[in-house]
PDB file of all heavy atoms in Angstrom:
ATOM      1  N   CYS A   1      -7.034 -60.335  15.343  1.00  0.00           N
ATOM      2  CA  CYS A   1      -7.529 -59.452  16.421  1.00  0.00           C
ATOM      3  C   CYS A   1      -8.719 -58.648  15.926  1.00  0.00           C
ATOM      4  O   CYS A   1      -9.724 -58.444  16.665  1.00  0.00           O
ATOM      5  CB  CYS A   1      -6.452 -58.517  16.904  1.00  0.00           C
ATOM      6  SG  CYS A   1      -5.212 -59.269  18.000  1.00  0.00           S
ATOM      7  N   ILE A   2      -8.652 -58.166  14.678  1.00  0.00           N
ATOM      8  CA  ILE A   2      -9.734 -57.386  14.156  1.00  0.00           C
ATOM      9  C   ILE A   2     -11.046 -58.194  14.138  1.00  0.00           C
ATOM     10  O   ILE A   2     -12.109 -57.732  14.495  1.00  0.00           O
ATOM     11  CB  ILE A   2      -9.418 -56.898  12.740  1.00  0.00           C
ATOM     12  CG1 ILE A   2      -8.292 -55.832  12.780  1.00  0.00           C
ATOM     13  CG2 ILE A   2     -10.661 -56.289  12.043  1.00  0.00           C
ATOM     14  CD1 ILE A   2      -7.752 -55.463  11.427  1.00  0.00           C
ATOM     15  N   HIS A   3     -10.918 -59.476  13.758  1.00  0.00           N
ATOM     16  CA  HIS A   3     -12.074 -60.335  13.674  1.00  0.00           C
ATOM     17  C   HIS A   3     -12.568 -60.901  15.006  1.00  0.00           C
ATOM     18  O   HIS A   3     -13.634 -61.452  15.097  1.00  0.00           O
ATOM     19  CB  HIS A   3     -11.843 -61.480  12.688  1.00  0.00           C
ATOM     20  CG  HIS A   3     -13.032 -62.254  12.313  1.00  0.00           C
ATOM     21  ND1 HIS A   3     -13.338 -63.469  12.869  1.00  0.00           N
ATOM     22  CD2 HIS A   3     -14.065 -61.983  11.456  1.00  0.00           C
ATOM     23  CE1 HIS A   3     -14.467 -63.916  12.373  1.00  0.00           C
ATOM     24  NE2 HIS A   3     -14.919 -63.017  11.489  1.00  0.00           N
ATOM     25  N   GLY A   4     -11.706 -60.772  16.018  1.00  0.00           N
ATOM     26  CA  GLY A   4     -12.063 -61.318  17.326  1.00  0.00           C
ATOM     27  C   GLY A   4     -11.633 -62.730  17.563  1.00  0.00           C
ATOM     28  O   GLY A   4     -11.966 -63.315  18.578  1.00  0.00           O
ATOM     29  N   LEU A   5     -10.825 -63.293  16.659  1.00  0.00           N
ATOM     30  CA  LEU A   5     -10.278 -64.628  16.864  1.00  0.00           C
ATOM     31  C   LEU A   5      -9.148 -64.645  17.908  1.00  0.00           C
ATOM     32  O   LEU A   5      -8.856 -65.642  18.499  1.00  0.00           O
ATOM     33  CB  LEU A   5      -9.754 -65.178  15.538  1.00  0.00           C
ATOM     34  CG  LEU A   5     -10.812 -65.460  14.471  1.00  0.00           C
ATOM     35  CD1 LEU A   5     -10.175 -65.719  13.118  1.00  0.00           C
ATOM     36  CD2 LEU A   5     -11.695 -66.635  14.850  1.00  0.00           C
ATOM     37  N   GLU A   6      -8.500 -63.470  18.039  1.00  0.00           N
ATOM     38  CA  GLU A   6      -7.525 -63.269  19.111  1.00  0.00           C
ATOM     39  C   GLU A   6      -7.947 -62.027  19.867  1.00  0.00           C
ATOM     40  O   GLU A   6      -8.496 -61.061  19.319  1.00  0.00           O
ATOM     41  CB  GLU A   6      -6.107 -63.026  18.522  1.00  0.00           C
ATOM     42  CG  GLU A   6      -5.533 -64.172  17.773  1.00  0.00           C
ATOM     43  CD  GLU A   6      -5.009 -65.261  18.674  1.00  0.00           C
ATOM     44  OE1 GLU A   6      -5.041 -65.125  19.894  1.00  0.00           O
ATOM     45  OE2 GLU A   6      -4.502 -66.282  18.122  1.00  0.00           O
ATOM     46  N   GLN A   7      -7.710 -62.056  21.182  1.00  0.00           N
ATOM     47  CA  GLN A   7      -8.034 -60.888  22.020  1.00  0.00           C
ATOM     48  C   GLN A   7      -6.766 -60.125  22.306  1.00  0.00           C
ATOM     49  O   GLN A   7      -5.790 -60.693  22.813  1.00  0.00           O
ATOM     50  CB  GLN A   7      -8.717 -61.335  23.352  1.00  0.00           C
ATOM     51  CG  GLN A   7     -10.031 -61.995  23.126  1.00  0.00           C
ATOM     52  CD  GLN A   7     -11.031 -61.097  22.369  1.00  0.00           C
ATOM     53  OE1 GLN A   7     -11.170 -59.915  22.639  1.00  0.00           O
ATOM     54  NE2 GLN A   7     -11.664 -61.670  21.359  1.00  0.00           N
ATOM     55  N   PRO A   8      -6.737 -58.827  21.972  1.00  0.00           N
ATOM     56  CA  PRO A   8      -5.539 -58.036  22.296  1.00  0.00           C
ATOM     57  C   PRO A   8      -5.338 -57.904  23.782  1.00  0.00           C
ATOM     58  O   PRO A   8      -6.284 -58.018  24.566  1.00  0.00           O
ATOM     59  CB  PRO A   8      -5.842 -56.683  21.606  1.00  0.00           C
ATOM     60  CG  PRO A   8      -7.350 -56.625  21.552  1.00  0.00           C
ATOM     61  CD  PRO A   8      -7.811 -58.043  21.341  1.00  0.00           C
ATOM     62  N   ASP A   9      -4.080 -57.620  24.175  1.00  0.00           N
ATOM     63  CA  ASP A   9      -3.797 -57.399  25.577  1.00  0.00           C
ATOM     64  C   ASP A   9      -4.264 -56.024  26.000  1.00  0.00           C
ATOM     65  O   ASP A   9      -4.650 -55.812  27.172  1.00  0.00           O
ATOM     66  CB  ASP A   9      -2.283 -57.536  25.831  1.00  0.00           C
ATOM     67  CG  ASP A   9      -1.829 -58.940  25.571  1.00  0.00           C
ATOM     68  OD1 ASP A   9      -2.557 -59.900  25.870  1.00  0.00           O
ATOM     69  OD2 ASP A   9      -0.714 -59.121  25.024  1.00  0.00           O
ATOM     70  N   SER A  10      -4.222 -55.063  25.120  1.00  0.00           N
ATOM     71  CA  SER A  10      -4.721 -53.690  25.388  1.00  0.00           C
ATOM     72  C   SER A  10      -4.981 -53.017  24.069  1.00  0.00           C
ATOM     73  O   SER A  10      -4.584 -53.487  22.986  1.00  0.00           O
ATOM     74  CB  SER A  10      -3.679 -52.904  26.223  1.00  0.00           C
ATOM     75  OG  SER A  10      -2.471 -52.756  25.519  1.00  0.00           O
ATOM     76  N   GLY A  11      -5.673 -51.917  24.175  1.00  0.00           N
ATOM     77  CA  GLY A  11      -6.061 -51.166  22.968  1.00  0.00           C
ATOM     78  C   GLY A  11      -7.533 -51.401  22.637  1.00  0.00           C
ATOM     79  O   GLY A  11      -8.196 -52.209  23.292  1.00  0.00           O
ATOM     80  N   GLU A  12      -8.006 -50.729  21.624  1.00  0.00           N
ATOM     81  CA  GLU A  12      -9.414 -50.786  21.254  1.00  0.00           C
ATOM     82  C   GLU A  12      -9.563 -50.997  19.737  1.00  0.00           C
ATOM     83  O   GLU A  12      -8.752 -50.538  18.959  1.00  0.00           O
ATOM     84  CB  GLU A  12     -10.099 -49.507  21.651  1.00  0.00           C
ATOM     85  CG  GLU A  12     -10.097 -49.196  23.150  1.00  0.00           C
ATOM     86  CD  GLU A  12     -10.722 -47.860  23.463  1.00  0.00           C
ATOM     87  OE1 GLU A  12     -11.006 -47.074  22.534  1.00  0.00           O
ATOM     88  OE2 GLU A  12     -10.926 -47.589  24.673  1.00  0.00           O
ATOM     89  N   ILE A  13     -10.652 -51.702  19.389  1.00  0.00           N
ATOM     90  CA  ILE A  13     -11.058 -51.843  17.995  1.00  0.00           C
ATOM     91  C   ILE A  13     -12.507 -51.379  17.914  1.00  0.00           C
ATOM     92  O   ILE A  13     -13.395 -51.854  18.660  1.00  0.00           O
ATOM     93  CB  ILE A  13     -10.927 -53.299  17.522  1.00  0.00           C
ATOM     94  CG1 ILE A  13      -9.485 -53.771  17.611  1.00  0.00           C
ATOM     95  CG2 ILE A  13     -11.450 -53.450  16.062  1.00  0.00           C
ATOM     96  CD1 ILE A  13      -9.282 -55.250  17.300  1.00  0.00           C
ATOM     97  N   TRP A  14     -12.766 -50.454  16.996  1.00  0.00           N
ATOM     98  CA  TRP A  14     -14.092 -49.919  16.823  1.00  0.00           C
ATOM     99  C   TRP A  14     -14.616 -50.292  15.415  1.00  0.00           C
ATOM    100  O   TRP A  14     -13.867 -50.216  14.442  1.00  0.00           O
ATOM    101  CB  TRP A  14     -14.090 -48.384  16.943  1.00  0.00           C
ATOM    102  CG  TRP A  14     -13.784 -47.909  18.344  1.00  0.00           C
ATOM    103  CD1 TRP A  14     -12.624 -48.054  19.054  1.00  0.00           C
ATOM    104  CD2 TRP A  14     -14.692 -47.255  19.205  1.00  0.00           C
ATOM    105  NE1 TRP A  14     -12.711 -47.490  20.293  1.00  0.00           N
ATOM    106  CE2 TRP A  14     -13.974 -46.982  20.433  1.00  0.00           C
ATOM    107  CE3 TRP A  14     -16.016 -46.819  19.101  1.00  0.00           C
ATOM    108  CZ2 TRP A  14     -14.589 -46.325  21.521  1.00  0.00           C
ATOM    109  CZ3 TRP A  14     -16.610 -46.144  20.157  1.00  0.00           C
ATOM    110  CH2 TRP A  14     -15.893 -45.921  21.374  1.00  0.00           C
ATOM    111  N   LEU A  15     -15.856 -50.730  15.360  1.00  0.00           N
ATOM    112  CA  LEU A  15     -16.490 -51.115  14.094  1.00  0.00           C
ATOM    113  C   LEU A  15     -17.729 -50.267  13.937  1.00  0.00           C
ATOM    114  O   LEU A  15     -18.625 -50.278  14.781  1.00  0.00           O
ATOM    115  CB  LEU A  15     -16.811 -52.623  14.096  1.00  0.00           C
ATOM    116  CG  LEU A  15     -17.596 -53.114  12.878  1.00  0.00           C
ATOM    117  CD1 LEU A  15     -16.747 -52.997  11.607  1.00  0.00           C
ATOM    118  CD2 LEU A  15     -18.013 -54.572  13.079  1.00  0.00           C
ATOM    119  N   ASP A  16     -17.787 -49.527  12.832  1.00  0.00           N
ATOM    120  CA  ASP A  16     -18.949 -48.681  12.534  1.00  0.00           C
ATOM    121  C   ASP A  16     -19.281 -47.774  13.728  1.00  0.00           C
ATOM    122  O   ASP A  16     -20.436 -47.573  14.092  1.00  0.00           O
ATOM    123  CB  ASP A  16     -20.180 -49.495  12.171  1.00  0.00           C
ATOM    124  CG  ASP A  16     -19.972 -50.257  10.868  1.00  0.00           C
ATOM    125  OD1 ASP A  16     -19.163 -49.805  10.022  1.00  0.00           O
ATOM    126  OD2 ASP A  16     -20.656 -51.299  10.644  1.00  0.00           O
ATOM    127  N   GLY A  17     -18.253 -47.238  14.354  1.00  0.00           N
ATOM    128  CA  GLY A  17     -18.434 -46.266  15.429  1.00  0.00           C
ATOM    129  C   GLY A  17     -18.763 -46.881  16.802  1.00  0.00           C
ATOM    130  O   GLY A  17     -19.021 -46.142  17.760  1.00  0.00           O
ATOM    131  N   GLU A  18     -18.726 -48.190  16.894  1.00  0.00           N
ATOM    132  CA  GLU A  18     -19.035 -48.862  18.188  1.00  0.00           C
ATOM    133  C   GLU A  18     -17.846 -49.743  18.607  1.00  0.00           C
ATOM    134  O   GLU A  18     -17.300 -50.519  17.780  1.00  0.00           O
ATOM    135  CB  GLU A  18     -20.262 -49.700  18.073  1.00  0.00           C
ATOM    136  CG  GLU A  18     -21.546 -48.881  17.811  1.00  0.00           C
ATOM    137  CD  GLU A  18     -22.785 -49.740  17.871  1.00  0.00           C
ATOM    138  OE1 GLU A  18     -22.826 -50.768  17.150  1.00  0.00           O
ATOM    139  OE2 GLU A  18     -23.710 -49.408  18.626  1.00  0.00           O
ATOM    140  N   LYS A  19     -17.455 -49.640  19.839  1.00  0.00           N
ATOM    141  CA  LYS A  19     -16.331 -50.423  20.353  1.00  0.00           C
ATOM    142  C   LYS A  19     -16.665 -51.899  20.406  1.00  0.00           C
ATOM    143  O   LYS A  19     -17.773 -52.290  20.778  1.00  0.00           O
ATOM    144  CB  LYS A  19     -15.963 -49.936  21.766  1.00  0.00           C
ATOM    145  CG  LYS A  19     -14.735 -50.609  22.351  1.00  0.00           C
ATOM    146  CD  LYS A  19     -14.425 -50.040  23.729  1.00  0.00           C
ATOM    147  CE  LYS A  19     -13.238 -50.764  24.389  1.00  0.00           C
ATOM    148  NZ  LYS A  19     -12.966 -50.239  25.743  1.00  0.00           N
ATOM    149  N   MET A  20     -15.685 -52.693  19.978  1.00  0.00           N
ATOM    150  CA  MET A  20     -15.847 -54.171  20.078  1.00  0.00           C
ATOM    151  C   MET A  20     -15.396 -54.606  21.447  1.00  0.00           C
ATOM    152  O   MET A  20     -14.230 -54.446  21.813  1.00  0.00           O
ATOM    153  CB  MET A  20     -15.064 -54.869  18.970  1.00  0.00           C
ATOM    154  CG  MET A  20     -15.527 -54.556  17.578  1.00  0.00           C
ATOM    155  SD  MET A  20     -14.701 -55.511  16.281  1.00  0.00           S
ATOM    156  CE  MET A  20     -15.310 -57.201  16.632  1.00  0.00           C
ATOM    157  N   ASP A  21     -16.296 -55.182  22.219  1.00  0.00           N
ATOM    158  CA  ASP A  21     -16.045 -55.550  23.590  1.00  0.00           C
ATOM    159  C   ASP A  21     -16.523 -56.979  23.810  1.00  0.00           C
ATOM    160  O   ASP A  21     -17.707 -57.237  23.862  1.00  0.00           O
ATOM    161  CB  ASP A  21     -16.829 -54.587  24.536  1.00  0.00           C
ATOM    162  CG  ASP A  21     -16.524 -54.877  26.010  1.00  0.00           C
ATOM    163  OD1 ASP A  21     -15.852 -55.881  26.318  1.00  0.00           O
ATOM    164  OD2 ASP A  21     -16.953 -54.056  26.846  1.00  0.00           O
ATOM    165  N   PRO A  22     -15.563 -57.954  23.922  1.00  0.00           N
ATOM    166  CA  PRO A  22     -15.952 -59.342  24.115  1.00  0.00           C
ATOM    167  C   PRO A  22     -16.821 -59.604  25.327  1.00  0.00           C
ATOM    168  O   PRO A  22     -17.544 -60.632  25.390  1.00  0.00           O
ATOM    169  CB  PRO A  22     -14.587 -60.061  24.234  1.00  0.00           C
ATOM    170  CG  PRO A  22     -13.621 -59.153  23.597  1.00  0.00           C
ATOM    171  CD  PRO A  22     -14.115 -57.757  23.888  1.00  0.00           C
ATOM    172  N   SER A  23     -16.733 -58.743  26.326  1.00  0.00           N
ATOM    173  CA  SER A  23     -17.561 -58.950  27.549  1.00  0.00           C
ATOM    174  C   SER A  23     -19.040 -58.735  27.260  1.00  0.00           C
ATOM    175  O   SER A  23     -19.895 -59.233  28.011  1.00  0.00           O
ATOM    176  CB  SER A  23     -17.093 -58.038  28.667  1.00  0.00           C
ATOM    177  OG  SER A  23     -17.357 -56.698  28.371  1.00  0.00           O
ATOM    178  N   LYS A  24     -19.363 -58.036  26.200  1.00  0.00           N
ATOM    179  CA  LYS A  24     -20.748 -57.832  25.777  1.00  0.00           C
ATOM    180  C   LYS A  24     -21.008 -58.836  24.654  1.00  0.00           C
ATOM    181  O   LYS A  24     -20.989 -58.517  23.480  1.00  0.00           O
ATOM    182  CB  LYS A  24     -20.977 -56.398  25.328  1.00  0.00           C
ATOM    183  CG  LYS A  24     -20.705 -55.359  26.450  1.00  0.00           C
ATOM    184  CD  LYS A  24     -20.876 -53.941  25.946  1.00  0.00           C
ATOM    185  CE  LYS A  24     -20.610 -52.967  27.081  1.00  0.00           C
ATOM    186  NZ  LYS A  24     -20.732 -51.546  26.631  1.00  0.00           N
ATOM    187  N   ARG A  25     -21.288 -60.060  25.073  1.00  0.00           N
ATOM    188  CA  ARG A  25     -21.204 -61.200  24.154  1.00  0.00           C
ATOM    189  C   ARG A  25     -22.110 -61.087  22.961  1.00  0.00           C
ATOM    190  O   ARG A  25     -21.696 -61.292  21.802  1.00  0.00           O
ATOM    191  CB  ARG A  25     -21.506 -62.486  24.938  1.00  0.00           C
ATOM    192  CG  ARG A  25     -21.351 -63.769  24.100  1.00  0.00           C
ATOM    193  CD  ARG A  25     -21.493 -65.001  24.947  1.00  0.00           C
ATOM    194  NE  ARG A  25     -20.465 -65.068  25.979  1.00  0.00           N
ATOM    195  CZ  ARG A  25     -20.401 -66.013  26.907  1.00  0.00           C
ATOM    196  NH1 ARG A  25     -21.289 -67.014  26.873  1.00  0.00           N
ATOM    197  NH2 ARG A  25     -19.459 -65.998  27.815  1.00  0.00           N
ATOM    198  N   ASP A  26     -23.396 -60.760  23.161  1.00  0.00           N
ATOM    199  CA  ASP A  26     -24.325 -60.727  22.054  1.00  0.00           C
ATOM    200  C   ASP A  26     -23.936 -59.656  21.058  1.00  0.00           C
ATOM    201  O   ASP A  26     -23.955 -59.891  19.818  1.00  0.00           O
ATOM    202  CB  ASP A  26     -25.754 -60.486  22.566  1.00  0.00           C
ATOM    203  CG  ASP A  26     -26.324 -61.662  23.320  1.00  0.00           C
ATOM    204  OD1 ASP A  26     -25.745 -62.790  23.212  1.00  0.00           O
ATOM    205  OD2 ASP A  26     -27.320 -61.506  24.052  1.00  0.00           O
ATOM    206  N   LYS A  27     -23.592 -58.494  21.529  1.00  0.00           N
ATOM    207  CA  LYS A  27     -23.204 -57.409  20.638  1.00  0.00           C
ATOM    208  C   LYS A  27     -21.885 -57.746  19.910  1.00  0.00           C
ATOM    209  O   LYS A  27     -21.774 -57.494  18.687  1.00  0.00           O
ATOM    210  CB  LYS A  27     -23.050 -56.119  21.420  1.00  0.00           C
ATOM    211  CG  LYS A  27     -22.722 -54.908  20.560  1.00  0.00           C
ATOM    212  CD  LYS A  27     -22.638 -53.666  21.425  1.00  0.00           C
ATOM    213  CE  LYS A  27     -22.327 -52.440  20.571  1.00  0.00           C
ATOM    214  NZ  LYS A  27     -22.246 -51.186  21.389  1.00  0.00           N
ATOM    215  N   PHE A  28     -20.969 -58.332  20.628  1.00  0.00           N
ATOM    216  CA  PHE A  28     -19.690 -58.705  20.043  1.00  0.00           C
ATOM    217  C   PHE A  28     -19.880 -59.718  18.922  1.00  0.00           C
ATOM    218  O   PHE A  28     -19.290 -59.625  17.855  1.00  0.00           O
ATOM    219  CB  PHE A  28     -18.801 -59.249  21.136  1.00  0.00           C
ATOM    220  CG  PHE A  28     -17.379 -59.565  20.703  1.00  0.00           C
ATOM    221  CD1 PHE A  28     -16.515 -58.546  20.318  1.00  0.00           C
ATOM    222  CD2 PHE A  28     -16.912 -60.865  20.661  1.00  0.00           C
ATOM    223  CE1 PHE A  28     -15.205 -58.821  19.905  1.00  0.00           C
ATOM    224  CE2 PHE A  28     -15.605 -61.168  20.255  1.00  0.00           C
ATOM    225  CZ  PHE A  28     -14.752 -60.140  19.857  1.00  0.00           C
ATOM    226  N   THR A  29     -20.756 -60.708  19.151  1.00  0.00           N
ATOM    227  CA  THR A  29     -21.073 -61.712  18.138  1.00  0.00           C
ATOM    228  C   THR A  29     -21.697 -61.057  16.917  1.00  0.00           C
ATOM    229  O   THR A  29     -21.335 -61.407  15.799  1.00  0.00           O
ATOM    230  CB  THR A  29     -22.025 -62.808  18.733  1.00  0.00           C
ATOM    231  OG1 THR A  29     -21.370 -63.438  19.826  1.00  0.00           O
ATOM    232  CG2 THR A  29     -22.367 -63.807  17.678  1.00  0.00           C
ATOM    233  N   ALA A  30     -22.607 -60.136  17.149  1.00  0.00           N
ATOM    234  CA  ALA A  30     -23.272 -59.451  16.016  1.00  0.00           C
ATOM    235  C   ALA A  30     -22.241 -58.634  15.208  1.00  0.00           C
ATOM    236  O   ALA A  30     -22.298 -58.602  13.968  1.00  0.00           O
ATOM    237  CB  ALA A  30     -24.364 -58.551  16.535  1.00  0.00           C
TER     238      ALA A  30
END
C-alpha cells in the first residue's frame, strides 16, 4: 500500500508532506 501496488479502501498516505492520490496520475507516478 505504501508503494502504491495496492490501493487502500480508506485512509491516507503522505510522502514528503504531500498526499499520495492515484487519481492524480502523473504526481502519483513521480
